[in-house]
Protein backbone atom coordinates (compact mmCIF):
# COMPACT_ATOMS: atom_id res chain seq x y z
CA MET A 1 -28.99 -51.16 -55.08
CA ARG A 2 -26.49 -51.37 -52.22
CA LYS A 3 -24.77 -48.29 -53.55
CA ARG A 4 -28.08 -46.39 -53.63
CA MET A 5 -28.93 -47.42 -50.04
CA PHE A 6 -25.48 -46.31 -48.86
CA SER A 7 -25.97 -42.96 -50.59
CA ILE A 8 -29.37 -42.45 -48.90
CA PHE A 9 -27.91 -43.48 -45.52
CA SER A 10 -25.00 -41.06 -45.98
CA GLN A 11 -27.34 -38.20 -46.84
CA ARG A 12 -29.45 -38.87 -43.72
CA LEU A 13 -26.35 -38.81 -41.53
CA LEU A 14 -24.95 -35.67 -43.14
CA LEU A 15 -27.10 -33.15 -41.24
CA PRO A 16 -26.69 -34.73 -37.76
CA ALA A 17 -22.95 -35.09 -38.37
CA ALA A 18 -22.71 -31.46 -39.43
CA LEU A 19 -24.61 -30.38 -36.31
CA VAL A 20 -22.29 -32.43 -34.11
CA VAL A 21 -19.23 -30.92 -35.79
CA VAL A 22 -20.59 -27.38 -35.36
CA PHE A 23 -21.38 -28.10 -31.70
CA LEU A 24 -17.89 -29.46 -31.08
CA ILE A 25 -16.26 -26.49 -32.80
CA ASN A 26 -18.28 -23.99 -30.71
CA TRP A 27 -17.64 -25.90 -27.50
CA GLY A 28 -13.91 -26.05 -28.22
CA ALA A 29 -13.84 -22.35 -29.13
CA SER A 30 -15.40 -21.49 -25.78
CA LEU A 31 -12.51 -23.26 -24.02
CA TRP A 32 -9.55 -22.72 -26.32
CA HIS A 33 -9.33 -19.87 -28.74
CA THR A 34 -6.78 -17.55 -30.23
CA ARG A 35 -6.60 -14.73 -32.69
CA ILE A 36 -4.03 -13.18 -34.98
CA ASP A 37 -3.16 -9.51 -34.43
CA PHE A 38 -2.52 -7.91 -37.82
CA THR A 39 -2.19 -4.33 -36.47
CA ASN A 40 1.24 -2.73 -36.83
CA GLU A 41 1.20 -1.58 -33.18
CA LYS A 42 -0.04 -4.97 -31.87
CA ARG A 43 -3.05 -3.29 -30.29
CA PHE A 44 -4.66 -6.58 -29.35
CA THR A 45 -1.54 -8.31 -28.06
CA LEU A 46 -0.76 -7.98 -24.37
CA SER A 47 2.80 -7.63 -23.14
CA GLU A 48 4.25 -10.58 -21.24
CA PRO A 49 4.38 -8.74 -17.86
CA THR A 50 0.65 -7.97 -18.19
CA LYS A 51 -0.14 -11.60 -18.99
CA LYS A 52 1.86 -12.79 -15.97
CA LEU A 53 0.03 -10.27 -13.79
CA LEU A 54 -3.41 -11.43 -14.98
CA LYS A 55 -2.48 -15.06 -14.32
CA LYS A 56 -1.74 -14.13 -10.70
CA VAL A 57 -5.34 -13.06 -10.13
CA ASP A 58 -6.82 -15.49 -7.62
CA GLN A 59 -10.05 -13.63 -6.74
CA PRO A 60 -12.84 -12.04 -8.80
CA VAL A 61 -12.03 -8.72 -10.45
CA SER A 62 -14.89 -6.37 -11.31
CA ILE A 63 -14.40 -3.31 -13.54
CA GLN A 64 -16.86 -0.50 -14.21
CA ILE A 65 -16.25 1.90 -17.11
CA PHE A 66 -18.20 5.18 -17.26
CA LEU A 67 -17.97 5.74 -21.01
CA LYS A 68 -21.54 4.94 -22.00
CA GLY A 69 -24.23 7.05 -23.58
CA HIS A 70 -24.14 9.75 -26.23
CA LEU A 71 -20.42 10.41 -26.56
CA PRO A 72 -18.43 12.59 -28.95
CA SER A 73 -16.70 10.57 -31.66
CA GLY A 74 -13.27 10.69 -30.02
CA PHE A 75 -14.54 9.35 -26.71
CA LYS A 76 -16.74 6.82 -28.49
CA ARG A 77 -13.57 5.47 -30.05
CA LEU A 78 -11.91 5.43 -26.61
CA SER A 79 -14.89 3.48 -25.27
CA ILE A 80 -14.58 0.90 -28.06
CA ALA A 81 -10.83 0.61 -27.50
CA THR A 82 -11.45 0.09 -23.76
CA ASP A 83 -13.89 -2.71 -24.55
CA ASP A 84 -11.30 -4.31 -26.84
CA ILE A 85 -8.50 -4.24 -24.25
CA LEU A 86 -10.73 -5.54 -21.46
CA ARG A 87 -11.91 -8.36 -23.70
CA THR A 88 -8.26 -9.24 -24.25
CA PHE A 89 -7.70 -9.12 -20.48
CA LYS A 90 -10.63 -11.47 -20.01
CA ASP A 91 -9.14 -13.93 -22.52
CA VAL A 92 -6.18 -14.32 -20.15
CA ALA A 93 -7.87 -13.96 -16.75
CA GLY A 94 -10.95 -15.99 -17.71
CA SER A 95 -14.14 -15.90 -15.66
CA LYS A 96 -12.37 -14.19 -12.75
CA LEU A 97 -12.57 -10.89 -14.60
CA THR A 98 -15.86 -9.18 -15.41
CA TYR A 99 -16.52 -5.68 -16.69
CA GLN A 100 -19.45 -3.48 -17.64
CA PHE A 101 -20.03 -0.05 -19.13
CA VAL A 102 -22.15 2.27 -17.02
CA SER A 103 -23.71 5.64 -17.80
CA PRO A 104 -22.79 8.33 -15.24
CA GLU A 105 -26.44 9.41 -15.32
CA ASP A 106 -27.64 6.02 -14.03
CA MET A 107 -28.50 5.69 -10.36
CA VAL A 108 -26.39 3.61 -8.02
CA GLU A 109 -28.37 0.47 -7.19
CA GLY A 110 -30.53 0.96 -4.10
CA THR A 111 -29.98 4.73 -3.91
CA ASN A 112 -31.19 7.92 -5.53
CA VAL A 113 -27.62 9.08 -6.18
CA SER A 114 -26.20 9.02 -9.70
CA TYR A 115 -22.89 7.41 -10.53
CA GLY A 116 -21.65 10.83 -11.68
CA ASP A 117 -22.25 12.36 -8.23
CA THR A 118 -20.56 9.36 -6.61
CA LEU A 119 -17.50 9.73 -8.84
CA THR A 120 -17.32 13.46 -8.08
CA SER A 121 -17.45 12.78 -4.34
CA MET A 122 -14.50 10.42 -4.82
CA GLY A 123 -12.47 13.21 -6.39
CA LEU A 124 -12.92 11.90 -9.95
CA LEU A 125 -14.02 15.17 -11.49
CA PRO A 126 -15.66 15.26 -14.92
CA ILE A 127 -14.26 16.91 -18.00
CA ASN A 128 -16.37 19.92 -18.95
CA LEU A 129 -15.90 19.13 -22.60
CA THR A 130 -16.34 21.55 -25.46
CA SER A 131 -16.95 19.53 -28.61
CA GLN A 132 -17.62 20.67 -32.15
CA VAL A 133 -20.93 19.62 -33.74
CA LYS A 134 -22.74 20.72 -36.88
CA GLU A 135 -24.81 23.22 -34.91
CA GLY A 136 -21.71 24.76 -33.35
CA GLN A 137 -20.12 23.92 -30.01
CA GLN A 138 -21.69 21.97 -27.17
CA GLN A 139 -20.80 21.57 -23.50
CA GLN A 140 -20.88 18.10 -21.98
CA LEU A 141 -19.74 16.56 -18.70
CA LEU A 142 -17.78 13.36 -19.34
CA TYR A 143 -16.28 10.88 -16.88
CA PRO A 144 -13.52 9.03 -18.78
CA VAL A 145 -12.72 6.93 -15.72
CA GLY A 146 -13.11 3.40 -14.45
CA LEU A 147 -13.34 1.68 -11.08
CA ILE A 148 -11.68 -1.67 -10.49
CA THR A 149 -12.71 -3.79 -7.50
CA TYR A 150 -10.60 -6.65 -6.12
CA ASN A 151 -10.63 -8.29 -2.70
CA ASN A 152 -12.96 -5.58 -1.31
CA GLN A 153 -10.57 -2.88 -2.49
CA LEU A 154 -11.49 -0.13 -4.94
CA PHE A 155 -9.03 1.56 -7.29
CA PRO A 156 -9.90 4.43 -9.68
CA ILE A 157 -8.49 4.54 -13.21
CA GLU A 158 -8.23 7.70 -15.31
CA LEU A 159 -8.58 6.75 -18.97
CA TYR A 160 -7.97 10.22 -20.39
CA LYS A 161 -5.82 13.04 -19.07
CA GLY A 162 -6.31 15.92 -21.45
CA LYS A 163 -4.26 19.09 -21.23
CA THR A 164 -7.04 21.35 -22.55
CA PRO A 165 -10.88 21.46 -22.36
CA LEU A 166 -11.08 20.91 -26.13
CA ILE A 167 -11.03 17.46 -27.70
CA ASN A 168 -7.48 16.66 -28.73
CA PHE A 169 -7.30 13.60 -30.98
CA GLN A 170 -3.58 13.19 -30.37
CA GLU A 171 -4.22 12.96 -26.60
CA LEU A 172 -7.12 10.57 -27.17
CA ASN A 173 -4.87 8.42 -29.33
CA SER A 174 -2.25 8.42 -26.57
CA ALA A 175 -4.94 7.49 -24.05
CA GLU A 176 -5.80 4.44 -26.17
CA ALA A 177 -2.15 3.41 -26.23
CA MET A 178 -2.05 3.69 -22.42
CA LEU A 179 -5.12 1.54 -21.74
CA GLU A 180 -3.21 -1.70 -21.16
CA TYR A 181 -0.83 -0.02 -18.74
CA SER A 182 -3.61 1.86 -16.92
CA PHE A 183 -5.58 -1.29 -16.13
CA ALA A 184 -2.50 -3.45 -15.47
CA HIS A 185 -1.03 -0.83 -13.15
CA ALA A 186 -4.27 -0.53 -11.17
CA LEU A 187 -4.52 -4.31 -10.86
CA SER A 188 -0.88 -4.58 -9.75
CA LYS A 189 -1.60 -2.13 -6.92
CA LEU A 190 -4.55 -4.22 -5.76
CA ILE A 191 -2.97 -7.67 -5.85
CA GLN A 192 0.41 -6.79 -4.35
CA LYS A 193 0.96 -8.68 -1.10
CA GLU A 194 3.37 -6.14 0.37
CA LYS A 195 3.67 -2.46 -0.46
CA PRO A 196 7.06 -1.15 -1.59
CA VAL A 197 8.92 0.77 1.11
CA ILE A 198 9.64 4.49 0.70
CA GLY A 199 12.06 6.30 2.97
CA TYR A 200 11.61 10.07 3.37
CA ALA A 201 14.88 11.71 4.39
CA ILE A 202 14.81 14.30 7.18
CA GLY A 203 17.51 15.98 9.25
CA ASN A 204 18.70 18.51 6.67
CA GLY A 205 15.81 20.95 6.75
CA GLU A 206 13.44 18.89 4.61
CA PRO A 207 9.78 19.97 4.93
CA THR A 208 7.59 17.93 7.28
CA GLY A 209 4.64 20.26 7.90
CA TYR A 210 1.39 21.22 6.21
CA ASN A 211 3.08 21.63 2.82
CA THR A 212 3.73 17.87 2.61
CA TYR A 213 0.09 16.87 3.25
CA ASP A 214 -0.75 15.90 -0.33
CA LEU A 215 2.62 14.16 -0.79
CA VAL A 216 2.36 12.06 2.38
CA GLU A 217 -1.39 11.46 2.75
CA ASN A 218 -2.46 11.13 -0.89
CA VAL A 219 0.62 9.67 -2.58
CA LEU A 220 2.99 7.90 -0.22
CA LYS A 221 0.79 6.38 2.48
CA PRO A 222 -1.93 4.94 0.17
CA ASN A 223 0.57 3.34 -2.23
CA TYR A 224 3.67 2.55 -0.18
CA SER A 225 4.93 1.63 3.25
CA PHE A 226 6.14 5.03 4.37
CA PHE A 227 8.95 5.79 6.82
CA THR A 228 11.00 8.85 7.70
CA LEU A 229 14.77 8.59 8.02
CA ASP A 230 17.00 11.00 9.92
CA LEU A 231 20.38 10.80 8.20
CA ASN A 232 22.01 12.37 11.25
CA ALA A 233 20.71 9.76 13.69
CA GLN A 234 20.69 6.55 11.64
CA PRO A 235 23.97 4.68 11.00
CA ALA A 236 22.93 3.86 7.41
CA VAL A 237 20.08 3.99 4.94
CA PRO A 238 18.28 0.63 5.40
CA PRO A 239 18.57 -1.58 2.31
CA LEU A 240 14.90 -2.56 2.76
CA PHE A 241 13.98 0.88 1.38
CA ASP A 242 12.94 0.50 -2.25
CA VAL A 243 13.32 4.25 -2.82
CA LEU A 244 14.91 7.03 -0.79
CA LEU A 245 13.01 10.29 -1.34
CA LEU A 246 14.97 13.50 -0.80
CA VAL A 247 12.73 16.58 -0.94
CA LYS A 248 13.94 20.20 -0.73
CA PRO A 249 16.76 20.00 1.84
CA THR A 250 17.78 23.43 3.11
CA GLU A 251 20.75 22.58 5.36
CA ARG A 252 24.27 21.52 4.43
CA PHE A 253 25.05 17.79 4.15
CA THR A 254 28.09 16.44 5.93
CA ASP A 255 30.42 14.00 4.19
CA VAL A 256 29.25 11.20 6.50
CA GLU A 257 25.62 11.83 5.50
CA LYS A 258 26.60 11.84 1.84
CA LEU A 259 28.46 8.56 2.38
CA LYS A 260 25.28 6.97 3.76
CA ILE A 261 23.36 7.98 0.64
CA ASP A 262 26.26 6.95 -1.60
CA GLN A 263 26.57 3.45 -0.14
CA TYR A 264 22.79 2.95 -0.28
CA ILE A 265 23.01 3.66 -4.02
CA MET A 266 26.03 1.37 -4.45
CA GLN A 267 23.98 -1.45 -2.86
CA GLY A 268 21.23 -0.99 -5.46
CA GLY A 269 19.02 1.50 -3.64
CA LYS A 270 16.97 3.89 -5.79
CA VAL A 271 16.94 7.64 -5.12
CA LEU A 272 14.42 10.29 -6.16
CA VAL A 273 15.68 13.83 -5.53
CA TYR A 274 13.67 17.07 -5.60
CA ILE A 275 16.21 19.75 -4.77
CA ASP A 276 16.33 23.57 -4.69
CA LYS A 277 19.92 24.66 -5.20
CA LEU A 278 18.96 28.29 -4.61
CA ASN A 279 17.25 29.96 -1.68
CA ALA A 280 14.27 31.75 -3.21
CA GLU A 281 10.99 31.61 -1.29
CA MET A 282 7.52 32.96 -1.94
CA ASP A 283 7.17 34.27 1.63
CA SER A 284 9.78 36.98 1.05
CA LEU A 285 8.24 37.92 -2.29
CA GLN A 286 4.77 38.33 -0.76
CA ILE A 287 6.01 40.36 2.22
CA LYS A 288 8.64 42.57 0.61
CA ASN A 289 7.59 42.22 -3.05
CA GLU A 290 11.14 41.08 -3.73
CA VAL A 291 13.47 38.21 -2.94
CA VAL A 292 17.18 37.61 -3.38
CA ALA A 293 18.00 34.18 -4.87
CA TYR A 294 21.34 32.81 -3.64
CA ASP A 295 23.03 29.41 -3.35
CA ARG A 296 22.02 27.23 -0.38
CA GLU A 297 25.46 25.54 -0.39
CA LEU A 298 24.05 22.08 0.29
CA ASN A 299 27.40 20.41 -0.44
CA LEU A 300 25.83 17.91 -2.84
CA GLU A 301 27.40 19.27 -6.03
CA ASP A 302 30.37 16.88 -6.14
CA GLN A 303 28.21 13.83 -5.44
CA LEU A 304 25.66 14.61 -8.15
CA PHE A 305 28.53 15.48 -10.53
CA LYS A 306 30.06 12.05 -9.91
CA TYR A 307 26.73 10.41 -10.82
CA GLY A 308 26.47 12.40 -14.08
CA ILE A 309 24.48 15.56 -13.40
CA ARG A 310 24.99 19.19 -12.43
CA ILE A 311 22.33 21.54 -11.05
CA ASN A 312 23.28 25.05 -12.11
CA SER A 313 23.23 28.16 -9.90
CA ASN A 314 20.77 29.99 -12.10
CA LEU A 315 17.04 30.54 -12.41
CA LEU A 316 14.85 29.42 -15.28
CA MET A 317 12.46 31.97 -16.77
CA ASP A 318 9.83 30.93 -19.27
CA LEU A 319 7.13 32.69 -21.29
CA GLN A 320 5.02 29.56 -20.74
CA CYS A 321 4.34 30.11 -17.05
CA ASP A 322 1.81 30.17 -14.21
CA TYR A 323 0.05 33.21 -12.75
CA LEU A 324 0.49 35.31 -9.59
CA PRO A 325 -1.54 38.29 -8.30
CA PHE A 326 0.19 41.68 -8.61
CA ASP A 327 -0.81 45.20 -7.54
CA VAL A 328 0.03 46.71 -10.90
CA ASN A 329 -1.29 50.23 -10.29
CA GLY A 330 -0.41 50.43 -6.59
CA ASN A 331 -4.06 50.97 -5.60
CA GLY A 332 -4.66 47.62 -3.91
CA GLN A 333 -6.38 46.14 -6.98
CA PHE A 334 -4.60 42.85 -7.61
CA GLU A 335 -4.51 41.30 -11.05
CA LEU A 336 -3.40 37.80 -12.05
CA LEU A 337 -0.41 38.11 -14.35
CA PRO A 338 2.07 35.62 -15.83
CA TRP A 339 5.10 35.10 -13.57
CA ASN A 340 8.07 33.92 -15.63
CA TYR A 341 9.83 32.43 -12.59
CA PHE A 342 7.04 29.83 -12.28
CA PRO A 343 7.57 27.88 -15.53
CA VAL A 344 5.01 25.45 -16.88
CA LEU A 345 7.24 22.54 -17.86
CA GLU A 346 6.80 20.09 -20.71
CA ALA A 347 7.23 16.33 -20.43
CA ASN A 348 9.36 14.11 -22.64
CA PRO A 349 6.78 12.21 -24.75
CA ASN A 350 9.22 9.40 -25.58
CA ASN A 351 9.92 8.12 -22.07
CA VAL A 352 7.67 5.77 -20.13
CA ILE A 353 7.82 8.00 -17.01
CA THR A 354 6.55 11.13 -18.71
CA LYS A 355 4.61 9.68 -21.61
CA ASN A 356 1.05 11.02 -21.87
CA ILE A 357 1.20 13.23 -18.78
CA GLY A 358 0.25 16.90 -18.88
CA TYR A 359 2.19 20.02 -18.02
CA VAL A 360 4.12 20.19 -14.75
CA SER A 361 4.37 23.43 -12.77
CA GLY A 362 7.56 24.64 -11.16
CA LYS A 363 8.67 27.42 -8.80
CA PHE A 364 12.07 29.09 -8.95
CA VAL A 365 13.54 26.24 -10.98
CA ASN A 366 17.23 25.71 -11.81
CA SER A 367 18.56 24.41 -15.09
CA VAL A 368 20.33 21.05 -15.26
CA ASP A 369 23.34 19.86 -17.25
CA THR A 370 24.30 16.24 -17.84
CA ILE A 371 27.94 15.32 -17.24
CA GLU A 372 29.99 12.58 -18.84
CA ALA A 373 30.03 9.63 -16.43
CA GLU A 374 31.28 6.22 -17.51
CA GLY A 375 28.53 3.64 -17.80
CA ILE A 376 25.69 6.08 -17.05
CA SER A 377 22.91 6.92 -19.53
CA LYS A 378 20.91 10.12 -19.10
CA THR A 379 17.35 10.85 -20.21
CA ILE A 380 15.77 14.29 -19.95
CA LEU A 381 12.30 13.96 -18.42
CA LEU A 382 11.11 17.57 -17.97
CA TYR A 383 12.18 20.72 -19.77
CA SER A 384 11.10 24.27 -20.47
CA SER A 385 9.07 25.45 -23.43
CA SER A 386 10.68 26.70 -26.63
CA ASN A 387 10.69 30.26 -25.26
CA ALA A 388 12.86 30.29 -22.16
CA ARG A 389 16.04 31.74 -20.69
CA THR A 390 18.19 31.54 -17.56
CA ILE A 391 19.56 34.30 -15.34
CA ALA A 392 22.67 34.09 -13.20
CA THR A 393 22.55 34.33 -9.42
CA PRO A 394 22.67 35.84 -6.90
CA ALA A 395 19.75 37.74 -8.38
CA LEU A 396 17.16 40.18 -7.10
CA ILE A 397 13.66 39.05 -8.04
CA SER A 398 11.09 41.80 -7.78
CA GLY A 399 7.34 41.86 -8.30
CA ALA A 400 7.87 45.17 -10.05
CA GLU A 401 9.17 43.23 -13.03
CA ASN A 402 5.58 42.51 -14.03
CA VAL A 403 4.76 46.20 -14.45
CA THR A 404 6.05 45.88 -17.99
CA ALA A 405 5.68 43.00 -20.40
CA PRO A 406 8.70 40.70 -20.74
CA GLU A 407 11.09 41.29 -23.63
CA ASN A 408 10.22 38.29 -25.78
CA GLU A 409 13.43 38.44 -27.80
CA LYS A 410 15.36 37.41 -24.67
CA TYR A 411 13.42 34.15 -24.40
CA LYS A 412 15.01 32.20 -27.22
CA THR A 413 16.47 29.11 -25.52
CA PRO A 414 14.34 26.02 -26.12
CA HIS A 415 13.85 22.97 -23.92
CA ILE A 416 16.10 23.75 -20.96
CA PRO A 417 16.34 20.51 -18.87
CA VAL A 418 15.12 20.46 -15.26
CA ALA A 419 14.64 16.72 -14.54
CA VAL A 420 16.91 13.83 -15.53
CA LEU A 421 16.78 10.04 -15.27
CA LEU A 422 20.19 8.46 -14.64
CA GLU A 423 20.70 4.73 -15.28
CA GLY A 424 23.69 2.44 -15.12
CA LYS A 425 26.43 1.35 -12.70
CA PHE A 426 27.25 4.34 -10.56
CA SER A 427 30.72 4.83 -9.08
CA SER A 428 31.16 5.96 -5.49
CA LEU A 429 32.24 9.53 -4.79
CA PHE A 430 34.33 8.25 -1.89
CA ALA A 431 36.44 5.64 -3.65
CA ASN A 432 40.06 6.05 -2.45
CA ARG A 433 39.12 8.99 -0.20
CA LEU A 434 37.60 7.49 2.95
CA THR A 435 38.38 9.46 6.09
CA THR A 436 38.61 8.01 9.58
CA ALA A 437 35.16 9.40 10.42
CA MET A 438 33.70 7.69 7.33
CA GLN A 439 35.36 4.37 8.20
CA ASP A 440 33.96 4.63 11.73
CA SER A 441 30.49 5.31 10.26
CA LEU A 442 30.70 2.20 8.08
CA ALA A 443 31.89 0.10 11.02
CA LEU A 444 28.99 1.36 13.16
CA ALA A 445 26.57 0.27 10.41
CA ASN A 446 28.41 -3.04 10.00
CA GLN A 447 28.93 -2.28 6.31
CA LEU A 448 31.72 -2.95 3.86
CA PHE A 449 32.59 -0.07 1.56
CA LEU A 450 31.50 -0.56 -2.06
CA PRO A 451 33.45 1.49 -4.63
CA ALA A 452 30.80 0.96 -7.34
CA CYS A 453 27.33 -0.45 -7.91
CA THR A 454 27.14 -4.22 -7.96
CA ARG A 455 24.41 -4.09 -10.62
CA ASP A 456 22.63 -1.57 -12.84
CA ASN A 457 20.80 1.08 -10.86
CA LYS A 458 18.74 4.19 -11.51
CA MET A 459 17.91 7.53 -9.93
CA ILE A 460 15.93 10.63 -10.84
CA VAL A 461 17.02 14.19 -10.06
CA VAL A 462 14.65 17.19 -10.32
CA SER A 463 15.90 20.74 -9.85
CA ASP A 464 12.79 22.03 -8.07
CA GLY A 465 12.01 21.17 -4.45
CA ASP A 466 8.57 22.81 -4.47
CA MET A 467 7.22 20.60 -7.25
CA VAL A 468 5.79 18.00 -4.82
CA LEU A 469 4.69 20.40 -2.07
CA ASN A 470 1.30 21.99 -1.52
CA THR A 471 -0.07 25.18 -0.03
CA VAL A 472 -3.07 25.81 2.23
CA VAL A 473 -5.89 28.16 1.26
CA LYS A 474 -8.69 29.66 3.32
CA GLY A 475 -10.35 27.23 5.68
CA ASN A 476 -7.07 25.35 6.15
CA GLN A 477 -7.76 23.41 2.96
CA PRO A 478 -4.59 21.93 1.43
CA THR A 479 -4.35 22.28 -2.31
CA PRO A 480 -3.08 19.45 -4.53
CA MET A 481 0.66 19.52 -5.20
CA GLY A 482 1.47 21.86 -8.04
CA MET A 483 -1.86 23.66 -7.79
CA ASN A 484 -1.71 27.44 -7.91
CA PRO A 485 -3.42 28.65 -4.70
CA PHE A 486 -4.41 31.91 -6.39
CA THR A 487 -6.38 30.17 -9.16
CA PHE A 488 -7.62 27.25 -7.03
CA GLY A 489 -11.42 27.10 -7.19
CA THR A 490 -11.64 29.68 -9.99
CA GLN A 491 -12.18 29.41 -13.73
CA ARG A 492 -8.41 29.69 -14.22
CA GLU A 493 -7.74 26.57 -12.14
CA PHE A 494 -5.62 24.11 -14.08
CA PRO A 495 -4.76 20.57 -12.89
CA PHE A 496 -1.02 20.35 -13.43
CA ALA A 497 0.53 16.88 -13.65
CA ASN A 498 2.97 17.19 -10.73
CA LYS A 499 1.40 14.25 -8.93
CA ASP A 500 1.29 12.12 -12.09
CA PHE A 501 4.98 12.74 -12.64
CA LEU A 502 5.81 11.77 -9.04
CA LEU A 503 3.71 8.59 -9.16
CA ASN A 504 5.22 7.57 -12.50
CA ALA A 505 8.74 8.24 -11.26
CA LEU A 506 8.21 6.11 -8.15
CA ASP A 507 6.58 3.33 -10.18
CA TYR A 508 9.51 3.29 -12.59
CA LEU A 509 12.08 3.15 -9.81
CA VAL A 510 10.23 0.36 -7.98
CA ASP A 511 8.93 -1.47 -11.10
CA GLN A 512 7.76 -4.58 -9.25
CA HIS A 513 5.86 -6.09 -12.18
CA GLY A 514 7.90 -4.81 -15.13
CA LEU A 515 4.95 -2.92 -16.65
CA SER A 516 7.19 -0.43 -18.44
CA GLU A 517 6.84 -2.55 -21.59
CA ALA A 518 3.08 -2.02 -21.57
CA LYS A 519 3.51 1.70 -21.04
CA SER A 520 5.94 2.06 -23.92
CA LYS A 521 3.28 1.16 -26.50
CA ASP A 522 2.46 3.82 -29.03
CA TYR A 523 -0.32 4.02 -31.61
CA VAL A 524 0.05 5.77 -34.94
CA LEU A 525 -2.69 8.33 -35.35
CA ARG A 526 -4.45 7.81 -38.69
CA LEU A 527 -7.01 10.58 -39.08
CA LEU A 528 -9.78 10.52 -41.65
CA ASP A 529 -10.02 13.16 -44.33
CA ASN A 530 -13.23 14.98 -43.33
CA LYS A 531 -13.80 16.32 -46.85
CA LYS A 532 -13.64 12.83 -48.36
CA VAL A 533 -15.85 11.47 -45.58
CA SER A 534 -18.54 14.05 -46.39
CA ALA A 535 -18.18 13.56 -50.16
CA TYR A 536 -18.32 9.73 -50.17
CA GLN A 537 -20.43 9.10 -47.05
CA LEU A 538 -23.62 8.05 -48.90
CA GLU A 539 -21.69 5.91 -51.37
CA TRP A 540 -19.98 3.85 -48.67
CA GLN A 541 -23.18 3.57 -46.64
CA VAL A 542 -24.92 2.03 -49.65
CA ILE A 543 -21.98 -0.32 -50.27
CA ASN A 544 -21.89 -1.45 -46.64
CA ILE A 545 -25.63 -2.11 -46.58
CA MET A 546 -26.17 -3.61 -50.04
CA ALA A 547 -22.96 -5.64 -50.48
CA PRO A 548 -23.78 -8.23 -47.74
CA VAL A 549 -27.35 -8.56 -49.04
CA LEU A 550 -26.18 -9.08 -52.62
CA LEU A 551 -23.63 -11.67 -51.50
CA VAL A 552 -26.31 -13.65 -49.65
CA ILE A 553 -28.57 -13.55 -52.73
CA LEU A 554 -25.68 -14.57 -54.99
CA PHE A 555 -24.72 -17.57 -52.83
CA ALA A 556 -28.38 -18.59 -52.49
CA ALA A 557 -28.84 -18.49 -56.26
CA LEU A 558 -25.61 -20.42 -56.82
CA PHE A 559 -26.65 -23.04 -54.25
CA GLN A 560 -30.05 -23.48 -55.89
CA TRP A 561 -28.46 -23.74 -59.34
CA ILE A 562 -26.00 -26.43 -58.15
CA ARG A 563 -28.76 -28.35 -56.35
CA LYS A 564 -31.10 -28.17 -59.33
CA ARG A 565 -28.40 -29.37 -61.70
CA LYS A 566 -27.43 -32.24 -59.40
CA TYR A 567 -30.88 -33.65 -58.75
CA THR A 568 -32.63 -32.90 -62.06
CA THR A 569 -33.13 -36.11 -64.08
CA HIS A 570 -32.57 -35.93 -67.82
């Protein structure tokens, strides 16, 4: 009897106890939870620098993603991947981070303006996408962008940077791999207490006019504390500079000026150099229809050689190039034709600086050689296409060259380097060769001479000074850096990645939050076999629908059978 009463009592408590256990499990899961990432690429595992960054968030972060609505399959997958990564972000940041997906066609709250129009006014232009559907091709405006808001600051995020107007699944796959870095990088810009300091060298003919508008106003000032530095007037390069930017000098450097740069590097200062070794300008070509390219004699050859690089006195010509207008028939009718001296450069896909960026445009570019330098590693960042060549200088460049098509058999040299990353412990050019003037310069700056770097350092050298400059078109409108002024605003306009390369290079040199690990992620592209998908589509749809239903019925029948057997009296 007592045993029977205990059994009845236990059965009555079973349901409430089960409910309490379920409640406790759900409550605990809402506070503490984890998951196991079985993907080979660790898609759902954040890098440690990203986790540390998210834990620094001390104010609400709001993110809007404009990938909502009827999307092509590739961008639908990008939308799902974005939701996954932001959910992972939220696991670390907690309630301080919120996000939502918004359709660009929706109206901004309290206005009659659509989100799409607002994004366009902010310079976030849509992709006029051509996608393949069963009926043929369709045109669609997509905004693969996001907006992140923190502490009353707004930062735009580009989720996809395609090179062509057609869907490219490889580029979409790369965009997925870059999601963690894209959001972490934007957040790092918003939460930084102090902006890194960039010094822009002047005094040796560096440009400071209208052609630096995009560089200064849209890149340097919004993201960095920006200062100019006259190497002639200042006793030394201030060590508070995170990066010294040297853009297209045209006048010879003295040994004392070179010493100032050298000792800044030896102290751990980073340098980003955009340099034209040759004097070849568009102004002469437009006025005279020809230009003579000759050496500027900047007196930097020995210093760069000591660091592990040589900029050659030649010109790069490439069949993959930008366009210029030419009067082919001499009747005043100009036609846009390829100009082999304006190469469209390719980016190294295996380096965090150039990974997933598009083509970069150049003008009168020199080739680069790497030199053996003890303790220095070299990484090529930008190079020509597979169909390129170089010509020796001095050389006469004439617009008449475009009267006839280029001889393709001459363009057989692949991947000629034009930009190099140097990393390691650099040795000073002036070790054991200090002159009295140099010693006086060091004494004036209250500096001790360092014969080598005290720690690992890095610099980037690009053999094209025009790469970060802009032009001005009618109406005094400055074009973006790298934009061809003759195709700007036309159907041939192409957004080259000159600015992306510059921003990535500066970020890598500064690297405040160590986000390079997040950027180095790569996803293996596993494409479906479209023929098998079409052949077995109905079969798998039936399996996916019926299998769960059959399992529920099977477990219900099994439960009833066990219950009936247990409680049936014989």
